[in-house]
């Protein structure tokens, strides 16, 4: 075996999501760990895909994506956030949200650049920044409220700060940014060259009549932001790996330079199918209510147990505390929950560089009714 001279990501192993899914499979456990639905997408969307495949649209798409899909995205953003993006020059179709995030970081972060992230954080941000020589500066949001102290964030800013990465709604906490948060962010980046990478893949999954505040709604942020979204989350097709990045032309031009050598383009028939499907706005405007029913069902089922329910304002993840059940670390508890009680979750410590354990785990409720019913039955036995 050849001896490698070094590893660019020496501290990175298999993601916690893959670990917990594997453990769930090995123990025939209900998988509420990895964030994907266990139900079928709309047959209308599937029919569109089959139509375009059989019509012969099976070769390379243009570098930036099929124009019809980009026009539908621009229309959606305009209607939802009152923000204008030119379909051809300011929107890029990507192979999922993670690829868009990777490409954005690759395009703008060089050795020595500092990037501010908010933990608990989705696990692809930090390794990608470090891969390109960047330095991660972290602000830890903590249970139960996961609030941001913007004075502390301002203290992280230096002349080397190149980017701030947001995840709104936040995975795993389920919290959303409020107007006061946006205004504080505007004050911090004003008169700087700091870019914002805004991961908004759960933008259409916000509950209780609350409003998702996209960075693109605010001209002071839009001009410096790369907005990332995902069709996997929007239409229950995470395995299709299709997303997009919307950004001003000068940022998109740099983004595409990397994108063309990263994946070049995304599969053609699914882009065409998504474009056709998006013509009916009801397919995504009803998503909040669809997932709120599932959230409420899970919360009601766990209300009589010893689990503590934290606020869930968005995403399809419910954070729960277990300190009344066990004094084990969250990783140990999540493992025991999977092996013994047959429900897989994700420990919150995996979303912190410091491995902060506050006795919190994440449960995915993007599941069929019978899946949630069985999970609630199993979890109720711990009380």
Protein backbone atom coordinates (compact mmCIF):
# COMPACT_ATOMS: atom_id res chain seq x y z
CA UNK A 1 0.00 0.00 0.00
CA UNK A 2 1.35 3.41 -0.98
CA UNK A 3 2.26 5.72 1.89
CA UNK A 4 0.43 9.03 1.59
CA UNK A 5 2.59 12.08 2.36
CA UNK A 6 -0.30 13.90 4.07
CA UNK A 7 -4.08 14.17 4.30
CA UNK A 8 -5.77 17.45 3.44
CA UNK A 9 -8.64 16.54 5.77
CA UNK A 10 -6.90 14.47 8.42
CA UNK A 11 -9.63 14.99 11.02
CA UNK A 12 -12.53 14.10 8.73
CA UNK A 13 -14.14 10.66 8.68
CA UNK A 14 -17.50 9.29 7.58
CA UNK A 15 -20.35 11.73 8.26
CA UNK A 16 -22.57 11.18 11.29
CA UNK A 17 -25.55 10.81 8.96
CA UNK A 18 -23.97 7.84 7.17
CA UNK A 19 -22.87 6.34 10.49
CA UNK A 20 -26.32 6.49 12.02
CA UNK A 21 -28.04 5.22 8.87
CA UNK A 22 -25.66 2.26 8.75
CA UNK A 23 -26.33 1.57 12.44
CA UNK A 24 -30.08 1.78 11.77
CA UNK A 25 -29.80 -0.69 8.91
CA UNK A 26 -27.69 -3.11 10.95
CA UNK A 27 -30.24 -3.08 13.78
CA UNK A 28 -33.45 -2.89 11.72
CA UNK A 29 -34.22 0.42 13.41
CA UNK A 30 -36.59 3.16 12.27
CA UNK A 31 -34.34 5.71 10.59
CA UNK A 32 -35.16 9.20 11.84
CA UNK A 33 -31.50 10.18 11.55
CA UNK A 34 -30.66 11.02 7.94
CA UNK A 35 -32.76 13.81 6.44
CA UNK A 36 -34.68 12.18 3.64
CA UNK A 37 -38.36 11.25 3.16
CA UNK A 38 -39.45 7.60 3.11
CA UNK A 39 -42.47 8.36 0.90
CA UNK A 40 -42.78 8.74 -2.87
CA UNK A 41 -42.72 12.10 -4.67
CA UNK A 42 -45.70 13.26 -6.70
CA UNK A 43 -46.45 10.91 -9.62
CA UNK A 44 -46.98 13.98 -11.82
CA UNK A 45 -43.32 14.89 -11.36
CA UNK A 46 -42.25 11.31 -12.07
CA UNK A 47 -44.35 11.32 -15.23
CA UNK A 48 -42.61 14.50 -16.42
CA UNK A 49 -39.20 12.85 -15.91
CA UNK A 50 -40.23 9.78 -17.90
CA UNK A 51 -41.66 11.98 -20.65
CA UNK A 52 -38.42 13.92 -21.17
CA UNK A 53 -36.26 10.80 -20.98
CA UNK A 54 -38.33 9.05 -23.65
CA UNK A 55 -38.39 12.22 -25.76
CA UNK A 56 -34.61 11.96 -26.02
CA UNK A 57 -33.43 14.74 -23.70
CA UNK A 58 -30.59 12.63 -22.33
CA UNK A 59 -27.41 14.49 -23.26
CA UNK A 60 -25.45 17.31 -21.62
CA UNK A 61 -27.31 20.35 -20.40
CA UNK A 62 -25.78 23.83 -20.76
CA UNK A 63 -23.13 24.75 -18.18
CA UNK A 64 -25.41 26.95 -16.09
CA UNK A 65 -28.52 24.79 -16.48
CA UNK A 66 -31.63 24.61 -18.64
CA UNK A 67 -33.04 28.08 -19.21
CA UNK A 68 -36.64 26.98 -18.59
CA UNK A 69 -35.82 25.80 -15.08
CA UNK A 70 -33.82 28.92 -14.33
CA UNK A 71 -36.75 31.07 -15.45
CA UNK A 72 -39.05 29.20 -13.06
CA UNK A 73 -36.56 29.66 -10.22
CA UNK A 74 -36.34 33.39 -10.94
CA UNK A 75 -40.15 33.59 -10.90
CA UNK A 76 -40.33 31.70 -7.61
CA UNK A 77 -37.74 33.93 -5.94
CA UNK A 78 -39.44 37.05 -7.27
CA UNK A 79 -42.85 35.99 -5.96
CA UNK A 80 -41.54 34.74 -2.62
CA UNK A 81 -38.93 37.37 -1.78
CA UNK A 82 -39.57 40.30 -4.15
CA UNK A 83 -36.01 39.94 -5.49
CA UNK A 84 -34.98 39.92 -9.14
CA UNK A 85 -32.37 37.56 -10.60
CA UNK A 86 -31.58 37.31 -14.30
CA UNK A 87 -32.23 33.64 -15.18
CA UNK A 88 -29.29 33.22 -17.53
CA UNK A 89 -26.56 35.22 -15.82
CA UNK A 90 -27.46 35.01 -12.12
CA UNK A 91 -28.80 31.49 -11.54
CA UNK A 92 -26.80 28.24 -11.77
CA UNK A 93 -28.28 24.75 -11.52
CA UNK A 94 -26.13 22.53 -9.31
CA UNK A 95 -25.85 18.87 -8.35
CA UNK A 96 -27.63 19.49 -5.06
CA UNK A 97 -27.21 22.09 -2.35
CA UNK A 98 -23.96 20.62 -1.04
CA UNK A 99 -22.26 21.00 -4.40
CA UNK A 100 -23.40 24.60 -4.58
CA UNK A 101 -21.92 25.25 -1.13
CA UNK A 102 -18.66 23.53 -2.04
CA UNK A 103 -18.37 25.46 -5.30
CA UNK A 104 -19.10 28.82 -3.65
CA UNK A 105 -16.40 28.25 -1.03
CA UNK A 106 -13.95 27.00 -3.65
CA UNK A 107 -14.57 30.06 -5.81
CA UNK A 108 -13.97 32.68 -3.12
CA UNK A 109 -11.90 31.28 -0.24
CA UNK A 110 -8.12 31.19 -0.43
CA UNK A 111 -5.40 30.41 2.09
CA UNK A 112 -5.66 32.59 5.18
CA UNK A 113 -9.19 33.84 4.54
CA UNK A 114 -11.45 33.69 7.58
CA UNK A 115 -14.99 32.32 7.42
CA UNK A 116 -17.56 32.73 10.20
CA UNK A 117 -20.00 29.87 10.77
CA UNK A 118 -22.79 29.35 13.29
CA UNK A 119 -22.90 26.10 15.23
CA UNK A 120 -24.69 23.74 15.42
CA UNK A 121 -23.71 23.66 11.74
CA UNK A 122 -24.33 21.37 8.79
CA UNK A 123 -21.18 19.30 8.48
CA UNK A 124 -19.98 20.29 5.00
CA UNK A 125 -19.11 23.92 5.78
CA UNK A 126 -15.98 23.60 7.89
CA UNK A 127 -14.15 20.84 5.94
CA UNK A 128 -14.67 22.67 2.66
CA UNK A 129 -13.31 25.93 4.04
CA UNK A 130 -10.26 24.11 5.40
CA UNK A 131 -9.76 22.23 2.14
CA UNK A 132 -9.08 25.56 0.41
CA UNK A 133 -6.85 26.91 3.16
CA UNK A 134 -9.45 29.01 4.93
CA UNK A 135 -9.71 29.52 8.68
CA UNK A 136 -13.02 28.79 10.39
CA UNK A 137 -14.22 31.09 13.18
CA UNK A 138 -17.20 29.73 15.07
CA UNK A 139 -20.06 31.14 17.05
CA UNK A 140 -21.78 28.52 19.21
CA UNK A 141 -25.55 28.77 19.52
CA UNK A 142 -26.71 26.80 22.54
CA UNK A 143 -29.83 25.03 23.76
CA UNK A 144 -32.60 25.65 24.34
CA UNK A 145 -33.02 28.85 22.30
CA UNK A 146 -30.07 28.78 19.86
CA UNK A 147 -29.98 32.57 19.78
CA UNK A 148 -27.19 34.59 18.14
CA UNK A 149 -25.25 37.17 20.14
CA UNK A 150 -24.42 39.55 17.33
CA UNK A 151 -21.98 41.54 19.46
CA UNK A 152 -19.99 38.35 19.89
CA UNK A 153 -20.21 37.70 16.14
CA UNK A 154 -18.93 41.21 15.46
CA UNK A 155 -15.97 40.37 17.67
CA UNK A 156 -15.10 37.52 15.30
CA UNK A 157 -14.84 39.86 12.32
CA UNK A 158 -11.37 40.95 11.26
CA UNK A 159 -9.71 42.37 8.18
CA UNK A 160 -9.23 38.75 7.05
CA UNK A 161 -12.94 37.88 7.20
CA UNK A 162 -13.97 36.89 3.69
CA UNK A 163 -17.29 35.10 4.20
CA UNK A 164 -20.13 34.48 6.64
CA UNK A 165 -22.08 31.24 6.19
CA UNK A 166 -25.73 31.22 7.24
CA UNK A 167 -28.15 28.30 7.40
CA UNK A 168 -31.70 29.59 7.60
CA UNK A 169 -33.87 27.73 8.59
CA UNK A 170 -31.17 26.07 10.63
CA UNK A 171 -30.38 22.37 10.43
CA UNK A 172 -30.36 20.87 13.06
CA UNK A 173 -31.95 23.33 15.52
CA UNK A 174 -35.03 24.20 13.44
CA UNK A 175 -34.64 27.91 14.29
CA UNK A 176 -35.21 30.73 11.81
CA UNK A 177 -33.66 34.20 11.64
CA UNK A 178 -35.81 37.11 12.76
CA UNK A 179 -35.86 40.66 11.40
CA UNK A 180 -33.64 41.82 14.26
CA UNK A 181 -31.05 39.20 13.25
CA UNK A 182 -31.06 40.39 9.65
CA UNK A 183 -30.61 44.01 10.68
CA UNK A 184 -27.68 43.11 12.94
CA UNK A 185 -26.09 41.20 10.07
CA UNK A 186 -26.51 44.19 7.77
CA UNK A 187 -24.77 46.40 10.31
CA UNK A 188 -21.84 43.98 10.57
CA UNK A 189 -21.18 43.63 6.83
CA UNK A 190 -21.92 47.23 5.85
CA UNK A 191 -18.89 48.96 4.35
CA UNK A 192 -16.98 45.64 4.13
CA UNK A 193 -16.22 43.23 1.30
CA UNK A 194 -17.54 40.26 3.29
CA UNK A 195 -19.52 37.75 1.23
CA UNK A 196 -22.52 35.82 2.55
CA UNK A 197 -23.15 32.20 1.66
CA UNK A 198 -26.79 31.62 2.60
CA UNK A 199 -27.89 28.00 2.80
CA UNK A 200 -31.68 28.24 2.48
CA UNK A 201 -32.55 24.69 1.42
CA UNK A 202 -35.45 24.57 3.92
CA UNK A 203 -36.91 27.95 2.93
CA UNK A 204 -40.31 26.44 2.10
CA UNK A 205 -40.59 24.51 5.35
CA UNK A 206 -41.45 27.17 7.96
CA UNK A 207 -44.23 26.76 10.51
CA UNK A 208 -46.92 28.52 12.54
CA UNK A 209 -47.40 31.34 10.05
CA UNK A 210 -43.82 32.54 10.48
CA UNK A 211 -42.00 34.07 7.51
CA UNK A 212 -38.74 32.93 6.01
CA UNK A 213 -36.50 35.98 5.62
CA UNK A 214 -34.17 35.35 2.72
CA UNK A 215 -31.00 37.41 2.35
CA UNK A 216 -32.14 38.32 -1.15
CA UNK A 217 -35.06 40.36 0.28
CA UNK A 218 -32.53 42.94 1.51
CA UNK A 219 -30.57 44.86 -1.18
CA UNK A 220 -27.66 45.43 1.23
CA UNK A 221 -27.28 41.64 1.56
CA UNK A 222 -28.35 40.51 -1.90
CA UNK A 223 -25.44 42.31 -3.58
CA UNK A 224 -22.90 40.24 -1.59
CA UNK A 225 -24.79 36.95 -1.20
CA UNK A 226 -24.77 33.53 -2.81
CA UNK A 227 -28.16 31.96 -2.11
CA UNK A 228 -28.31 28.15 -2.14
CA UNK A 229 -31.50 26.06 -2.38
CA UNK A 230 -32.43 22.44 -3.06
CA UNK A 231 -35.11 20.66 -5.07
CA UNK A 232 -34.46 17.56 -2.98
CA UNK A 233 -36.00 19.28 0.04
CA UNK A 234 -38.66 21.04 -2.04
CA UNK A 235 -40.10 18.02 -3.85
CA UNK A 236 -39.05 15.01 -1.70
CA UNK A 237 -36.37 13.87 -4.17
CA UNK A 238 -33.11 14.12 -2.22
CA UNK A 239 -31.57 11.34 -4.31
CA UNK A 240 -31.89 13.35 -7.51
CA UNK A 241 -29.27 15.79 -6.20
CA UNK A 242 -30.47 18.96 -7.94
CA UNK A 243 -30.22 22.44 -6.45
CA UNK A 244 -29.23 25.93 -7.46
CA UNK A 245 -27.23 28.99 -6.57
CA UNK A 246 -28.60 32.49 -7.15
CA UNK A 247 -26.19 35.42 -6.95
CA UNK A 248 -25.39 38.74 -8.65
CA UNK A 249 -23.66 38.38 -12.02
CA UNK A 250 -20.18 39.25 -10.79
CA UNK A 251 -20.39 36.51 -8.14
CA UNK A 252 -22.07 34.04 -10.49
CA UNK A 253 -19.31 34.52 -13.06
CA UNK A 254 -16.72 33.39 -10.50
CA UNK A 255 -18.99 30.60 -9.25
CA UNK A 256 -19.34 29.19 -12.77
CA UNK A 257 -15.58 29.15 -13.29
CA UNK A 258 -15.35 26.49 -10.58
CA UNK A 259 -18.70 24.83 -11.37
CA UNK A 260 -17.60 23.98 -14.91
CA UNK A 261 -14.66 21.94 -13.63
CA UNK A 262 -16.55 20.53 -10.64
CA UNK A 263 -19.58 18.91 -12.31
CA UNK A 264 -19.98 21.05 -15.48
CA UNK A 265 -23.72 20.46 -15.65
CA UNK A 266 -26.67 18.63 -14.08
CA UNK A 267 -28.74 15.88 -15.70
CA UNK A 268 -31.00 17.19 -18.43
CA UNK A 269 -34.36 15.33 -18.20
CA UNK A 270 -34.83 16.04 -14.50
CA UNK A 271 -34.15 19.75 -15.05
CA UNK A 272 -36.83 19.83 -17.73
CA UNK A 273 -39.24 17.89 -15.54
CA UNK A 274 -38.69 20.24 -12.60
CA UNK A 275 -39.28 23.26 -14.83
CA UNK A 276 -42.59 21.84 -16.03
CA UNK A 277 -43.66 20.87 -12.51
CA UNK A 278 -42.82 24.29 -11.05
CA UNK A 279 -45.32 26.00 -13.33
CA UNK A 280 -47.91 25.06 -10.71
CA UNK A 281 -46.91 27.12 -7.65
CA UNK A 282 -49.15 25.01 -5.46
CA UNK A 283 -46.61 22.21 -5.64
CA UNK A 284 -44.28 24.14 -3.35
CA UNK A 285 -46.47 26.75 -1.67
CA UNK A 286 -48.32 23.99 0.21
CA UNK A 287 -45.16 22.50 1.69
CA UNK A 288 -45.33 24.40 4.99
CA UNK A 289 -48.71 22.92 5.86
CA UNK A 290 -47.73 19.44 4.69
CA UNK A 291 -44.73 19.24 7.00
CA UNK A 292 -46.38 21.12 9.87
CA UNK A 293 -48.89 18.27 10.12
CA UNK A 294 -46.02 15.81 10.47
CA UNK A 295 -44.20 18.02 12.98
CA UNK A 296 -47.34 18.43 15.07
CA UNK A 297 -48.06 14.70 14.97
CA UNK A 298 -44.58 13.87 16.26
CA UNK A 299 -44.68 16.58 18.93
CA UNK A 300 -48.11 15.46 20.14
CA UNK A 301 -46.94 11.85 20.27
CA UNK A 302 -43.89 12.76 22.36
CA UNK A 303 -45.64 15.31 24.58
CA UNK A 304 -46.48 12.72 27.21
CA UNK A 305 -42.99 11.26 27.35
CA UNK A 306 -39.90 12.32 29.28
CA UNK A 307 -38.36 13.81 26.15
CA UNK A 308 -38.21 17.61 26.12
CA UNK A 309 -39.41 19.28 22.91
CA UNK A 310 -37.39 22.27 21.74
CA UNK A 311 -38.87 24.88 19.40
CA UNK A 312 -39.13 23.81 15.77
CA UNK A 313 -39.78 26.84 13.57
CA UNK A 314 -38.64 25.28 10.30
CA UNK A 315 -36.88 22.35 8.53
CA UNK A 316 -38.15 18.79 8.95
CA UNK A 317 -36.15 18.09 12.10
CA UNK A 318 -37.33 18.09 15.69
CA UNK A 319 -34.72 18.63 18.42
CA UNK A 320 -35.46 16.88 21.71
CA UNK A 321 -33.69 16.75 25.07
CA UNK A 322 -33.31 13.49 27.01
CA UNK A 323 -31.74 14.61 30.31
CA UNK A 324 -34.73 13.20 32.26
CA UNK A 325 -34.10 9.79 30.69
CA UNK A 326 -30.32 9.30 30.68
CA UNK A 327 -27.07 10.93 31.75
CA UNK A 328 -25.13 9.45 28.84
CA UNK A 329 -23.45 11.62 26.21
CA UNK A 330 -25.63 12.36 23.22
CA UNK A 331 -23.61 10.04 20.97
CA UNK A 332 -23.86 7.17 23.45
CA UNK A 333 -27.56 7.80 23.96
CA UNK A 334 -28.22 7.96 20.21
CA UNK A 335 -26.39 4.68 19.75
CA UNK A 336 -28.35 3.02 22.56
CA UNK A 337 -31.60 4.41 21.16
CA UNK A 338 -30.82 2.80 17.80
CA UNK A 339 -29.60 -0.57 19.03
CA UNK A 340 -31.98 -1.14 21.94
CA UNK A 341 -35.08 0.90 21.14
CA UNK A 342 -34.88 0.71 17.34
CA UNK A 343 -35.09 4.43 16.56
CA UNK A 344 -32.11 6.16 14.92
CA UNK A 345 -31.41 9.83 15.59
CA UNK A 346 -28.46 12.22 15.26
CA UNK A 347 -26.59 13.56 18.32
CA UNK A 348 -26.27 17.34 18.34
CA UNK A 349 -22.60 17.19 19.42
CA UNK A 350 -21.72 16.12 15.86
CA UNK A 351 -22.74 19.61 14.69
CA UNK A 352 -20.15 21.31 16.94
CA UNK A 353 -16.39 21.38 16.46
CA UNK A 354 -16.04 21.26 20.26
CA UNK A 355 -18.37 18.21 20.40
CA UNK A 356 -20.57 20.15 22.82
CA UNK A 357 -23.08 17.74 24.35
CA UNK A 358 -26.21 19.29 25.86
CA UNK A 359 -28.31 16.10 25.92
CA UNK A 360 -30.00 16.95 22.62
CA UNK A 361 -30.71 14.69 19.63
CA UNK A 362 -32.31 15.37 16.23
CA UNK A 363 -35.29 13.45 14.85
CA UNK A 364 -36.38 13.69 11.20
CA UNK A 365 -40.16 13.78 10.71
CA UNK A 366 -40.16 13.72 6.90
CA UNK A 367 -41.61 10.23 7.13
CA UNK A 368 -44.79 8.31 6.39
CA UNK A 369 -47.50 8.33 9.06
CA UNK A 370 -46.90 4.67 9.95
CA UNK A 371 -43.18 5.31 10.33
CA UNK A 372 -43.82 8.16 12.78
CA UNK A 373 -46.42 6.11 14.66
CA UNK A 374 -43.98 3.24 15.20
CA UNK A 375 -41.18 5.63 16.21
CA UNK A 376 -43.46 7.31 18.78
CA UNK A 377 -44.50 3.92 20.17
CA UNK A 378 -40.85 2.89 20.58
CA UNK A 379 -39.77 6.19 22.10
CA UNK A 380 -42.72 6.24 24.51
CA UNK A 381 -41.36 3.10 26.18
CA UNK A 382 -38.37 5.08 27.53
CA UNK A 383 -40.55 7.24 29.78
